[in-house]
PDB file of N, CA and C in Angstrom:
ATOM      1  N   UNK A   1       0.834  -1.174  -0.003  1.00  0.00           N
ATOM      2  CA  UNK A   1      -0.036   0.008   0.001  1.00  0.00           C
ATOM      3  C   UNK A   1       0.915   1.207  -0.006  1.00  0.00           C
ATOM      4  N   UNK A   2       0.622   2.134  -0.888  1.00  0.00           N
ATOM      5  CA  UNK A   2       1.377   3.384  -0.932  1.00  0.00           C
ATOM      6  C   UNK A   2       0.768   4.427  -0.057  1.00  0.00           C
ATOM      7  N   UNK A   3       1.555   5.201   0.606  1.00  0.00           N
ATOM      8  CA  UNK A   3       1.105   6.243   1.488  1.00  0.00           C
ATOM      9  C   UNK A   3       0.449   7.336   0.572  1.00  0.00           C
ATOM     10  N   UNK A   4      -0.673   7.861   1.062  1.00  0.00           N
ATOM     11  CA  UNK A   4      -1.388   8.815   0.323  1.00  0.00           C
ATOM     12  C   UNK A   4      -1.452  10.242   0.966  1.00  0.00           C
ATOM     13  N   UNK A   5      -1.087  10.309   2.194  1.00  0.00           N
ATOM     14  CA  UNK A   5      -1.087  11.562   2.913  1.00  0.00           C
ATOM     15  C   UNK A   5      -0.097  12.543   2.279  1.00  0.00           C
ATOM     16  N   UNK A   6      -0.496  13.651   1.759  1.00  0.00           N
ATOM     17  CA  UNK A   6       0.386  14.554   1.090  1.00  0.00           C
ATOM     18  C   UNK A   6       1.486  15.162   2.003  1.00  0.00           C
ATOM     19  N   UNK A   7       1.147  15.412   3.250  1.00  0.00           N
ATOM     20  CA  UNK A   7       2.129  15.866   4.186  1.00  0.00           C
ATOM     21  C   UNK A   7       3.250  14.876   4.305  1.00  0.00           C
ATOM     22  N   UNK A   8       2.915  13.645   4.390  1.00  0.00           N
ATOM     23  CA  UNK A   8       3.885  12.526   4.581  1.00  0.00           C
ATOM     24  C   UNK A   8       4.748  12.348   3.264  1.00  0.00           C
ATOM     25  N   UNK A   9       4.019  12.304   2.121  1.00  0.00           N
ATOM     26  CA  UNK A   9       4.793  12.102   0.851  1.00  0.00           C
ATOM     27  C   UNK A   9       5.792  13.232   0.605  1.00  0.00           C
ATOM     28  N   UNK A  10       5.503  14.432   1.128  1.00  0.00           N
ATOM     29  CA  UNK A  10       6.429  15.495   0.893  1.00  0.00           C
ATOM     30  C   UNK A  10       7.421  15.761   1.973  1.00  0.00           C
ATOM     31  N   UNK A  11       7.456  14.898   2.945  1.00  0.00           N
ATOM     32  CA  UNK A  11       8.334  14.991   4.083  1.00  0.00           C
ATOM     33  C   UNK A  11       9.656  14.181   3.916  1.00  0.00           C
ATOM     34  N   UNK A  12      10.768  14.779   4.238  1.00  0.00           N
ATOM     35  CA  UNK A  12      12.117  14.135   4.204  1.00  0.00           C
ATOM     36  C   UNK A  12      12.378  13.493   5.515  1.00  0.00           C
ATOM     37  N   UNK A  13      12.042  12.212   5.680  1.00  0.00           N
ATOM     38  CA  UNK A  13      12.278  11.515   6.941  1.00  0.00           C
ATOM     39  C   UNK A  13      13.747  11.372   7.244  1.00  0.00           C
ATOM     40  N   UNK A  14      14.128  11.593   8.486  1.00  0.00           N
ATOM     41  CA  UNK A  14      15.469  11.371   8.962  1.00  0.00           C
ATOM     42  C   UNK A  14      16.552  12.195   8.223  1.00  0.00           C
ATOM     43  N   UNK A  15      16.100  13.357   7.789  1.00  0.00           N
ATOM     44  CA  UNK A  15      16.907  14.241   6.982  1.00  0.00           C
ATOM     45  C   UNK A  15      18.261  14.558   7.682  1.00  0.00           C
ATOM     46  N   UNK A  16      18.248  14.835   8.890  1.00  0.00           N
ATOM     47  CA  UNK A  16      19.567  15.164   9.634  1.00  0.00           C
ATOM     48  C   UNK A  16      20.518  14.005   9.637  1.00  0.00           C
ATOM     49  N   UNK A  17      19.988  12.794   9.681  1.00  0.00           N
ATOM     50  CA  UNK A  17      20.883  11.663   9.683  1.00  0.00           C
ATOM     51  C   UNK A  17      21.508  11.391   8.349  1.00  0.00           C
ATOM     52  N   UNK A  18      20.782  11.712   7.247  1.00  0.00           N
ATOM     53  CA  UNK A  18      21.378  11.516   5.927  1.00  0.00           C
ATOM     54  C   UNK A  18      22.516  12.425   5.580  1.00  0.00           C
ATOM     55  N   UNK A  19      22.498  13.643   6.252  1.00  0.00           N
ATOM     56  CA  UNK A  19      23.595  14.644   5.959  1.00  0.00           C
ATOM     57  C   UNK A  19      24.796  14.443   6.828  1.00  0.00           C
ATOM     58  N   UNK A  20      24.681  13.500   7.833  1.00  0.00           N
ATOM     59  CA  UNK A  20      25.765  13.268   8.775  1.00  0.00           C
ATOM     60  C   UNK A  20      26.401  11.904   8.476  1.00  0.00           C
ATOM     61  N   UNK A  21      27.704  11.948   8.078  1.00  0.00           N
ATOM     62  CA  UNK A  21      28.428  10.707   7.700  1.00  0.00           C
ATOM     63  C   UNK A  21      28.541   9.709   8.780  1.00  0.00           C
ATOM     64  N   UNK A  22      28.212  10.077   9.985  1.00  0.00           N
ATOM     65  CA  UNK A  22      28.328   9.121  11.164  1.00  0.00           C
ATOM     66  C   UNK A  22      27.239   8.016  10.991  1.00  0.00           C
ATOM     67  N   UNK A  23      26.134   8.293  10.318  1.00  0.00           N
ATOM     68  CA  UNK A  23      25.022   7.370  10.168  1.00  0.00           C
ATOM     69  C   UNK A  23      25.061   6.817   8.736  1.00  0.00           C
ATOM     70  N   UNK A  24      25.284   5.496   8.617  1.00  0.00           N
ATOM     71  CA  UNK A  24      25.368   4.880   7.263  1.00  0.00           C
ATOM     72  C   UNK A  24      24.064   5.021   6.573  1.00  0.00           C
ATOM     73  N   UNK A  25      24.082   5.486   5.335  1.00  0.00           N
ATOM     74  CA  UNK A  25      22.873   5.724   4.593  1.00  0.00           C
ATOM     75  C   UNK A  25      22.004   4.459   4.444  1.00  0.00           C
ATOM     76  N   UNK A  26      22.628   3.310   4.291  1.00  0.00           N
ATOM     77  CA  UNK A  26      21.775   2.058   4.111  1.00  0.00           C
ATOM     78  C   UNK A  26      21.001   1.741   5.409  1.00  0.00           C
ATOM     79  N   UNK A  27      21.543   2.194   6.555  1.00  0.00           N
ATOM     80  CA  UNK A  27      20.791   1.911   7.794  1.00  0.00           C
ATOM     81  C   UNK A  27      19.713   3.043   7.988  1.00  0.00           C
ATOM     82  N   UNK A  28      20.060   4.232   7.609  1.00  0.00           N
ATOM     83  CA  UNK A  28      19.102   5.318   7.657  1.00  0.00           C
ATOM     84  C   UNK A  28      17.957   5.006   6.726  1.00  0.00           C
ATOM     85  N   UNK A  29      18.209   4.383   5.566  1.00  0.00           N
ATOM     86  CA  UNK A  29      17.197   3.965   4.661  1.00  0.00           C
ATOM     87  C   UNK A  29      16.253   3.016   5.321  1.00  0.00           C
ATOM     88  N   UNK A  30      16.830   2.101   6.076  1.00  0.00           N
ATOM     89  CA  UNK A  30      15.942   1.141   6.828  1.00  0.00           C
ATOM     90  C   UNK A  30      15.075   1.870   7.840  1.00  0.00           C
ATOM     91  N   UNK A  31      15.620   2.793   8.505  1.00  0.00           N
ATOM     92  CA  UNK A  31      14.854   3.638   9.408  1.00  0.00           C
ATOM     93  C   UNK A  31      13.691   4.327   8.735  1.00  0.00           C
ATOM     94  N   UNK A  32      14.001   4.951   7.570  1.00  0.00           N
ATOM     95  CA  UNK A  32      12.961   5.597   6.798  1.00  0.00           C
ATOM     96  C   UNK A  32      11.906   4.640   6.416  1.00  0.00           C
ATOM     97  N   UNK A  33      12.283   3.399   6.010  1.00  0.00           N
ATOM     98  CA  UNK A  33      11.282   2.339   5.687  1.00  0.00           C
ATOM     99  C   UNK A  33      10.377   2.065   6.856  1.00  0.00           C
ATOM    100  N   UNK A  34      10.880   2.013   8.084  1.00  0.00           N
ATOM    101  CA  UNK A  34      10.104   1.814   9.307  1.00  0.00           C
ATOM    102  C   UNK A  34       9.080   2.900   9.379  1.00  0.00           C
ATOM    103  N   UNK A  35       9.527   4.139   9.211  1.00  0.00           N
ATOM    104  CA  UNK A  35       8.545   5.244   9.386  1.00  0.00           C
ATOM    105  C   UNK A  35       7.511   5.199   8.226  1.00  0.00           C
ATOM    106  N   UNK A  36       7.866   4.877   7.049  1.00  0.00           N
ATOM    107  CA  UNK A  36       6.844   4.738   5.998  1.00  0.00           C
ATOM    108  C   UNK A  36       5.894   3.618   6.183  1.00  0.00           C
ATOM    109  N   UNK A  37       6.384   2.469   6.791  1.00  0.00           N
ATOM    110  CA  UNK A  37       5.496   1.393   7.154  1.00  0.00           C
ATOM    111  C   UNK A  37       4.472   1.838   8.258  1.00  0.00           C
ATOM    112  N   UNK A  38       4.999   2.676   9.170  1.00  0.00           N
ATOM    113  CA  UNK A  38       4.083   3.207  10.202  1.00  0.00           C
ATOM    114  C   UNK A  38       3.036   3.977   9.573  1.00  0.00           C
ATOM    115  N   UNK A  39       3.353   4.838   8.557  1.00  0.00           N
ATOM    116  CA  UNK A  39       2.345   5.639   7.889  1.00  0.00           C
ATOM    117  C   UNK A  39       1.345   4.730   7.153  1.00  0.00           C
ATOM    118  N   UNK A  40       1.826   3.723   6.547  1.00  0.00           N
ATOM    119  CA  UNK A  40       0.959   2.799   5.821  1.00  0.00           C
ATOM    120  C   UNK A  40      -0.012   2.101   6.811  1.00  0.00           C
ATOM    121  N   UNK A  41       0.495   1.766   7.956  1.00  0.00           N
ATOM    122  CA  UNK A  41      -0.415   1.117   8.975  1.00  0.00           C
ATOM    123  C   UNK A  41      -1.401   2.097   9.538  1.00  0.00           C
ATOM    124  N   UNK A  42      -1.006   3.352   9.716  1.00  0.00           N
ATOM    125  CA  UNK A  42      -1.957   4.323  10.164  1.00  0.00           C
ATOM    126  C   UNK A  42      -3.067   4.511   9.182  1.00  0.00           C
ATOM    127  N   UNK A  43      -2.718   4.579   7.922  1.00  0.00           N
ATOM    128  CA  UNK A  43      -3.723   4.791   6.853  1.00  0.00           C
ATOM    129  C   UNK A  43      -4.575   3.552   6.750  1.00  0.00           C
ATOM    130  N   UNK A  44      -4.041   2.340   6.853  1.00  0.00           N
ATOM    131  CA  UNK A  44      -4.818   1.113   6.676  1.00  0.00           C
ATOM    132  C   UNK A  44      -5.727   0.840   7.908  1.00  0.00           C
ATOM    133  N   UNK A  45      -5.197   1.076   9.142  1.00  0.00           N
ATOM    134  CA  UNK A  45      -5.937   0.727  10.326  1.00  0.00           C
ATOM    135  C   UNK A  45      -6.721   1.858  10.919  1.00  0.00           C
ATOM    136  N   UNK A  46      -6.389   3.108  10.506  1.00  0.00           N
ATOM    137  CA  UNK A  46      -7.081   4.307  10.969  1.00  0.00           C
ATOM    138  C   UNK A  46      -7.408   4.242  12.468  1.00  0.00           C
ATOM    139  N   UNK A  47      -6.352   4.376  13.268  1.00  0.00           N
ATOM    140  CA  UNK A  47      -6.622   4.312  14.761  1.00  0.00           C
ATOM    141  C   UNK A  47      -7.582   5.391  15.211  1.00  0.00           C
ATOM    142  N   UNK A  48      -8.498   5.020  16.012  1.00  0.00           N
ATOM    143  CA  UNK A  48      -9.530   5.954  16.421  1.00  0.00           C
ATOM    144  C   UNK A  48      -9.241   6.789  17.659  1.00  0.00           C
ATOM    145  N   UNK A  49      -8.223   6.469  18.347  1.00  0.00           N
ATOM    146  CA  UNK A  49      -7.857   7.210  19.559  1.00  0.00           C
ATOM    147  C   UNK A  49      -6.319   7.117  19.796  1.00  0.00           C
ATOM    148  N   UNK A  50      -5.925   7.849  20.788  1.00  0.00           N
ATOM    149  CA  UNK A  50      -4.420   7.818  21.077  1.00  0.00           C
ATOM    150  C   UNK A  50      -3.895   6.456  21.474  1.00  0.00           C
ATOM    151  N   UNK A  51      -4.699   5.704  22.213  1.00  0.00           N
ATOM    152  CA  UNK A  51      -4.186   4.414  22.592  1.00  0.00           C
ATOM    153  C   UNK A  51      -3.966   3.490  21.380  1.00  0.00           C
ATOM    154  N   UNK A  52      -4.861   3.563  20.438  1.00  0.00           N
ATOM    155  CA  UNK A  52      -4.604   2.751  19.212  1.00  0.00           C
ATOM    156  C   UNK A  52      -3.470   3.293  18.436  1.00  0.00           C
ATOM    157  N   UNK A  53      -3.212   4.600  18.397  1.00  0.00           N
ATOM    158  CA  UNK A  53      -2.080   5.130  17.716  1.00  0.00           C
ATOM    159  C   UNK A  53      -0.824   4.698  18.368  1.00  0.00           C
ATOM    160  N   UNK A  54      -0.777   4.732  19.756  1.00  0.00           N
ATOM    161  CA  UNK A  54       0.409   4.388  20.481  1.00  0.00           C
ATOM    162  C   UNK A  54       0.828   2.932  20.220  1.00  0.00           C
ATOM    163  N   UNK A  55      -0.114   2.068  19.981  1.00  0.00           N
ATOM    164  CA  UNK A  55       0.149   0.660  19.667  1.00  0.00           C
ATOM    165  C   UNK A  55       1.021   0.608  18.396  1.00  0.00           C
ATOM    166  N   UNK A  56       0.605   1.430  17.365  1.00  0.00           N
ATOM    167  CA  UNK A  56       1.310   1.413  16.068  1.00  0.00           C
ATOM    168  C   UNK A  56       2.689   2.071  16.174  1.00  0.00           C
ATOM    169  N   UNK A  57       2.756   3.232  16.909  1.00  0.00           N
ATOM    170  CA  UNK A  57       4.083   3.931  16.985  1.00  0.00           C
ATOM    171  C   UNK A  57       5.046   3.124  17.843  1.00  0.00           C
ATOM    172  N   UNK A  58       4.580   2.497  18.842  1.00  0.00           N
ATOM    173  CA  UNK A  58       5.472   1.652  19.678  1.00  0.00           C
ATOM    174  C   UNK A  58       5.905   0.425  18.979  1.00  0.00           C
ATOM    175  N   UNK A  59       5.088  -0.119  18.100  1.00  0.00           N
ATOM    176  CA  UNK A  59       5.566  -1.206  17.265  1.00  0.00           C
ATOM    177  C   UNK A  59       6.720  -0.787  16.295  1.00  0.00           C
ATOM    178  N   UNK A  60       6.555   0.453  15.721  1.00  0.00           N
ATOM    179  CA  UNK A  60       7.620   0.994  14.940  1.00  0.00           C
ATOM    180  C   UNK A  60       8.852   1.242  15.797  1.00  0.00           C
ATOM    181  N   UNK A  61       8.710   1.689  16.919  1.00  0.00           N
ATOM    182  CA  UNK A  61       9.823   1.928  17.901  1.00  0.00           C
ATOM    183  C   UNK A  61      10.579   0.618  18.136  1.00  0.00           C
ATOM    184  N   UNK A  62       9.781  -0.433  18.310  1.00  0.00           N
ATOM    185  CA  UNK A  62      10.419  -1.806  18.507  1.00  0.00           C
ATOM    186  C   UNK A  62      11.314  -2.183  17.273  1.00  0.00           C
ATOM    187  N   UNK A  63      10.915  -1.765  16.071  1.00  0.00           N
ATOM    188  CA  UNK A  63      11.656  -2.013  14.914  1.00  0.00           C
ATOM    189  C   UNK A  63      12.974  -1.237  14.948  1.00  0.00           C
ATOM    190  N   UNK A  64      12.954   0.035  15.428  1.00  0.00           N
ATOM    191  CA  UNK A  64      14.114   0.792  15.609  1.00  0.00           C
ATOM    192  C   UNK A  64      15.066   0.156  16.715  1.00  0.00           C
ATOM    193  N   UNK A  65      14.423  -0.408  17.730  1.00  0.00           N
ATOM    194  CA  UNK A  65      15.206  -1.114  18.720  1.00  0.00           C
ATOM    195  C   UNK A  65      16.060  -2.192  18.090  1.00  0.00           C
ATOM    196  N   UNK A  66      15.395  -2.978  17.210  1.00  0.00           N
ATOM    197  CA  UNK A  66      16.071  -4.054  16.522  1.00  0.00           C
ATOM    198  C   UNK A  66      17.144  -3.612  15.579  1.00  0.00           C
ATOM    199  N   UNK A  67      16.990  -2.415  15.056  1.00  0.00           N
ATOM    200  CA  UNK A  67      17.910  -1.827  14.061  1.00  0.00           C
ATOM    201  C   UNK A  67      19.190  -1.327  14.771  1.00  0.00           C
ATOM    202  N   UNK A  68      19.089  -1.083  16.033  1.00  0.00           N
ATOM    203  CA  UNK A  68      20.217  -0.485  16.803  1.00  0.00           C
ATOM    204  C   UNK A  68      21.503  -1.386  16.655  1.00  0.00           C
ATOM    205  N   UNK A  69      21.356  -2.701  16.732  1.00  0.00           N
ATOM    206  CA  UNK A  69      22.566  -3.549  16.589  1.00  0.00           C
ATOM    207  C   UNK A  69      23.285  -3.325  15.333  1.00  0.00           C
ATOM    208  N   UNK A  70      22.529  -3.125  14.269  1.00  0.00           N
ATOM    209  CA  UNK A  70      23.131  -2.901  12.920  1.00  0.00           C
ATOM    210  C   UNK A  70      23.891  -1.615  12.935  1.00  0.00           C
ATOM    211  N   UNK A  71      23.394  -0.605  13.627  1.00  0.00           N
ATOM    212  CA  UNK A  71      24.149   0.703  13.733  1.00  0.00           C
ATOM    213  C   UNK A  71      25.452   0.433  14.514  1.00  0.00           C
ATOM    214  N   UNK A  72      25.435  -0.325  15.571  1.00  0.00           N
ATOM    215  CA  UNK A  72      26.590  -0.572  16.370  1.00  0.00           C
ATOM    216  C   UNK A  72      27.648  -1.364  15.529  1.00  0.00           C
ATOM    217  N   UNK A  73      27.149  -2.373  14.724  1.00  0.00           N
ATOM    218  CA  UNK A  73      28.064  -3.099  13.897  1.00  0.00           C
ATOM    219  C   UNK A  73      28.739  -2.206  12.816  1.00  0.00           C
ATOM    220  N   UNK A  74      28.091  -1.123  12.437  1.00  0.00           N
ATOM    221  CA  UNK A  74      28.569  -0.294  11.435  1.00  0.00           C
ATOM    222  C   UNK A  74      29.480   0.874  12.006  1.00  0.00           C
ATOM    223  N   UNK A  75      29.675   0.783  13.321  1.00  0.00           N
ATOM    224  CA  UNK A  75      30.447   1.763  14.014  1.00  0.00           C
ATOM    225  C   UNK A  75      29.662   3.076  14.279  1.00  0.00           C
ATOM    226  N   UNK A  76      28.342   2.982  14.352  1.00  0.00           N
ATOM    227  CA  UNK A  76      27.496   4.127  14.577  1.00  0.00           C
ATOM    228  C   UNK A  76      26.625   3.803  15.772  1.00  0.00           C
ATOM    229  N   UNK A  77      25.639   4.579  16.003  1.00  0.00           N
ATOM    230  CA  UNK A  77      24.754   4.366  17.136  1.00  0.00           C
ATOM    231  C   UNK A  77      23.493   5.233  16.999  1.00  0.00           C
ATOM    232  N   UNK A  78      22.386   4.787  17.611  1.00  0.00           N
ATOM    233  CA  UNK A  78      21.249   5.622  17.760  1.00  0.00           C
ATOM    234  C   UNK A  78      21.434   6.393  19.067  1.00  0.00           C
ATOM    235  N   UNK A  79      22.111   7.495  18.936  1.00  0.00           N
ATOM    236  CA  UNK A  79      22.470   8.355  20.123  1.00  0.00           C
ATOM    237  C   UNK A  79      21.589   9.608  20.039  1.00  0.00           C
ATOM    238  N   UNK A  80      22.026  10.604  20.834  1.00  0.00           N
ATOM    239  CA  UNK A  80      21.169  11.755  21.013  1.00  0.00           C
ATOM    240  C   UNK A  80      20.640  12.387  19.735  1.00  0.00           C
ATOM    241  N   UNK A  81      21.452  12.684  18.774  1.00  0.00           N
ATOM    242  CA  UNK A  81      20.971  13.306  17.488  1.00  0.00           C
ATOM    243  C   UNK A  81      19.923  12.370  16.791  1.00  0.00           C
ATOM    244  N   UNK A  82      20.281  11.094  16.731  1.00  0.00           N
ATOM    245  CA  UNK A  82      19.408  10.143  16.083  1.00  0.00           C
ATOM    246  C   UNK A  82      18.069   9.977  16.857  1.00  0.00           C
ATOM    247  N   UNK A  83      18.214   9.916  18.167  1.00  0.00           N
ATOM    248  CA  UNK A  83      16.997   9.782  18.996  1.00  0.00           C
ATOM    249  C   UNK A  83      16.016  10.933  18.729  1.00  0.00           C
ATOM    250  N   UNK A  84      16.608  12.086  18.714  1.00  0.00           N
ATOM    251  CA  UNK A  84      15.742  13.338  18.558  1.00  0.00           C
ATOM    252  C   UNK A  84      15.174  13.319  17.185  1.00  0.00           C
ATOM    253  N   UNK A  85      15.893  12.899  16.132  1.00  0.00           N
ATOM    254  CA  UNK A  85      15.385  12.879  14.803  1.00  0.00           C
ATOM    255  C   UNK A  85      14.236  11.884  14.649  1.00  0.00           C
ATOM    256  N   UNK A  86      14.467  10.652  15.157  1.00  0.00           N
ATOM    257  CA  UNK A  86      13.468   9.644  15.109  1.00  0.00           C
ATOM    258  C   UNK A  86      12.232  10.070  15.887  1.00  0.00           C
ATOM    259  N   UNK A  87      12.330  10.529  17.105  1.00  0.00           N
ATOM    260  CA  UNK A  87      11.207  10.953  17.875  1.00  0.00           C
ATOM    261  C   UNK A  87      10.484  12.125  17.206  1.00  0.00           C
ATOM    262  N   UNK A  88      11.185  13.061  16.601  1.00  0.00           N
ATOM    263  CA  UNK A  88      10.575  14.096  15.872  1.00  0.00           C
ATOM    264  C   UNK A  88       9.780  13.647  14.626  1.00  0.00           C
ATOM    265  N   UNK A  89      10.321  12.704  13.929  1.00  0.00           N
ATOM    266  CA  UNK A  89       9.601  12.143  12.796  1.00  0.00           C
ATOM    267  C   UNK A  89       8.361  11.326  13.179  1.00  0.00           C
ATOM    268  N   UNK A  90       8.468  10.568  14.338  1.00  0.00           N
ATOM    269  CA  UNK A  90       7.297   9.839  14.775  1.00  0.00           C
ATOM    270  C   UNK A  90       6.204  10.846  15.216  1.00  0.00           C
ATOM    271  N   UNK A  91       6.625  11.869  15.851  1.00  0.00           N
ATOM    272  CA  UNK A  91       5.647  12.996  16.266  1.00  0.00           C
ATOM    273  C   UNK A  91       5.055  13.599  15.008  1.00  0.00           C
ATOM    274  N   UNK A  92       5.932  13.850  13.988  1.00  0.00           N
ATOM    275  CA  UNK A  92       5.380  14.443  12.706  1.00  0.00           C
ATOM    276  C   UNK A  92       4.261  13.513  12.166  1.00  0.00           C
ATOM    277  N   UNK A  93       4.532  12.221  12.123  1.00  0.00           N
ATOM    278  CA  UNK A  93       3.526  11.291  11.631  1.00  0.00           C
ATOM    279  C   UNK A  93       2.215  11.349  12.379  1.00  0.00           C
ATOM    280  N   UNK A  94       2.324  11.433  13.707  1.00  0.00           N
ATOM    281  CA  UNK A  94       1.102  11.572  14.512  1.00  0.00           C
ATOM    282  C   UNK A  94       0.323  12.793  14.134  1.00  0.00           C
ATOM    283  N   UNK A  95       1.017  13.880  14.044  1.00  0.00           N
ATOM    284  CA  UNK A  95       0.360  15.122  13.737  1.00  0.00           C
ATOM    285  C   UNK A  95      -0.206  15.115  12.265  1.00  0.00           C
ATOM    286  N   UNK A  96       0.503  14.510  11.351  1.00  0.00           N
ATOM    287  CA  UNK A  96       0.066  14.483   9.957  1.00  0.00           C
ATOM    288  C   UNK A  96      -1.257  13.734   9.788  1.00  0.00           C
ATOM    289  N   UNK A  97      -1.548  12.806  10.767  1.00  0.00           N
ATOM    290  CA  UNK A  97      -2.729  12.054  10.716  1.00  0.00           C
ATOM    291  C   UNK A  97      -3.807  12.525  11.678  1.00  0.00           C
ATOM    292  N   UNK A  98      -3.601  13.796  12.125  1.00  0.00           N
ATOM    293  CA  UNK A  98      -4.626  14.426  12.970  1.00  0.00           C
ATOM    294  C   UNK A  98      -4.524  14.205  14.450  1.00  0.00           C
ATOM    295  N   UNK A  99      -3.458  13.711  14.934  1.00  0.00           N
ATOM    296  CA  UNK A  99      -3.320  13.497  16.389  1.00  0.00           C
ATOM    297  C   UNK A  99      -2.318  14.586  16.947  1.00  0.00           C
ATOM    298  N   UNK A 100      -2.916  15.733  17.236  1.00  0.00           N
ATOM    299  CA  UNK A 100      -2.197  16.831  17.626  1.00  0.00           C
ATOM    300  C   UNK A 100      -1.752  16.867  19.068  1.00  0.00           C
ATOM    301  N   UNK A 101      -2.553  16.255  19.957  1.00  0.00           N
ATOM    302  CA  UNK A 101      -2.277  16.328  21.395  1.00  0.00           C
ATOM    303  C   UNK A 101      -1.517  15.126  21.920  1.00  0.00           C
ATOM    304  N   UNK A 102      -0.582  14.643  21.136  1.00  0.00           N
ATOM    305  CA  UNK A 102       0.128  13.409  21.561  1.00  0.00           C
ATOM    306  C   UNK A 102       1.272  13.680  22.467  1.00  0.00           C
ATOM    307  N   UNK A 103       1.650  12.723  23.333  1.00  0.00           N
ATOM    308  CA  UNK A 103       2.775  12.738  24.167  1.00  0.00           C
ATOM    309  C   UNK A 103       3.899  12.037  23.436  1.00  0.00           C
ATOM    310  N   UNK A 104       4.881  12.782  23.007  1.00  0.00           N
ATOM    311  CA  UNK A 104       6.010  12.205  22.168  1.00  0.00           C
ATOM    312  C   UNK A 104       6.692  11.087  22.898  1.00  0.00           C
ATOM    313  N   UNK A 105       6.855  11.191  24.192  1.00  0.00           N
ATOM    314  CA  UNK A 105       7.503  10.102  24.964  1.00  0.00           C
ATOM    315  C   UNK A 105       6.615   8.832  24.930  1.00  0.00           C
ATOM    316  N   UNK A 106       5.293   9.017  24.936  1.00  0.00           N
ATOM    317  CA  UNK A 106       4.448   7.862  24.892  1.00  0.00           C
ATOM    318  C   UNK A 106       4.463   7.218  23.517  1.00  0.00           C
ATOM    319  N   UNK A 107       4.600   8.047  22.441  1.00  0.00           N
ATOM    320  CA  UNK A 107       4.740   7.527  21.096  1.00  0.00           C
ATOM    321  C   UNK A 107       5.870   6.545  20.972  1.00  0.00           C
ATOM    322  N   UNK A 108       6.940   6.804  21.663  1.00  0.00           N
ATOM    323  CA  UNK A 108       8.149   5.972  21.532  1.00  0.00           C
ATOM    324  C   UNK A 108       8.523   5.330  22.840  1.00  0.00           C
ATOM    325  N   UNK A 109       7.522   5.082  23.702  1.00  0.00           N
ATOM    326  CA  UNK A 109       7.701   4.586  25.077  1.00  0.00           C
ATOM    327  C   UNK A 109       8.534   3.270  25.134  1.00  0.00           C
ATOM    328  N   UNK A 110       8.501   2.476  24.100  1.00  0.00           N
ATOM    329  CA  UNK A 110       9.156   1.162  24.105  1.00  0.00           C
ATOM    330  C   UNK A 110      10.579   1.237  23.669  1.00  0.00           C
ATOM    331  N   UNK A 111      11.133   2.442  23.462  1.00  0.00           N
ATOM    332  CA  UNK A 111      12.541   2.559  22.957  1.00  0.00           C
ATOM    333  C   UNK A 111      13.528   2.122  23.975  1.00  0.00           C
ATOM    334  N   UNK A 112      14.612   1.575  23.501  1.00  0.00           N
ATOM    335  CA  UNK A 112      15.710   1.257  24.353  1.00  0.00           C
ATOM    336  C   UNK A 112      17.020   1.927  23.818  1.00  0.00           C
ATOM    337  N   UNK A 113      16.857   3.051  23.142  1.00  0.00           N
ATOM    338  CA  UNK A 113      17.961   3.882  22.601  1.00  0.00           C
ATOM    339  C   UNK A 113      17.880   5.241  23.197  1.00  0.00           C
TER     340      UNK A 113
END
């Protein structure tokens, strides 16, 4: 399923990570794919409340948790800059789909990075 939300299709996910050589592009690409899958799930499942949205965003966060080892193996890390970028993009997704009053920490509550 292709994402149809125009805000999302025009958004450059993980932009800061792409311009910093510390983060391997092929791994940032995988992170971008996680965020796009999150958007696809939001569009397909249409969560009706924050609790339903949090289930989706926390599942995406679990995917980032699993990706962390690949960053370590590549001599990189999901550290402060990456954490802020990922959290910011997950928050962007929530707002793009009409969830303006979200708690960013709750969106990514399952993170271990």
